[in-house]
């Protein structure tokens, strides 16, 4: 009876010892086979000096830097990827506003006191962090009669999984823009579409981006003051921006009311809002995001709008 108790006690102590080992540590047992044979078995190490076999309790796992979309969601994963390219995104923003400033000067002259569109664009460029030197250089370029003007060009495409893509360009050479877009798309299963065949799945809206998180009641109050009946408010807490979607004709009046109330406007622009979002498979989602990223890297492409659901269960406009 005493012997049995001792054996049980020793067995418990051995289990406690095994549990106390940290992950990746090993313990040694006398080898019942030569070390050479032991090393041939996967996951088993041999101590050739002592003839003992080293049995790892758990293989140490490599650290994985990939974004886990199961926990983060597609939108968070895309935002994290975009943050990793912040310098490139900043350069893109500067270039886009440079083009818009040139367009505004070409259309109404270099004096913001007279050219209302230019005044708005200067204000928004500064809100986006565009340096004053860049703004002045763009105005000077627009004042130069030999400087080419930019124009808007829109292309449509069918993406993976039935998704629709609207490719917005600001370019001084539409032939070059279309050629570069075609070259990107040819490397994928995405197909260029005829004008209107994708756009009918979207509603044309005006969007005003306000700095900070603005309460819905404050937005509705401004909308009533501007005599705007239909507004849709969307908050991006991560970027600290409140976007207000309205009829395109109402953008100017609502923008002036926000400015009168001391609100900082980050941007005001026309956008295409999907009527219905497409819930793509993970493979199709990755394919769409990859081609969108490649397109947005082109100098002539301002933005690519789409109707891909970024998060599970997300709905359209």
Foldseek 3Di string as FASTA:
>chain_A
DVVVVVVVVVVVVVVVVVVPDDAFAWDWDQDPDAQVVQVVDPQKHADNVVRIITHHPHDDDDDDPQDDCVPQFLVSNVVVVVVVVVVLVLVLLLLVLLQQLLQQCLVFHLDCVGRVSNVQSVLLSVLSVHDPVSSVVSSVLSVDPPRAHWDWDWWWKQAPPRKIKIWIFTDSDVVVLVVLLVVLPVVDPMGTDDPPPRLVQWDKWKKWKWAADDDPVVLVVLCVVLVFDDWDWDADVVRRIIMIIGHPVSQVSSVVSCVVVVIRTNDIDMDIWGQWAREDDPVRVVRVVVSQVVSSSDSGTSHMDMRHDRGPPDTTD
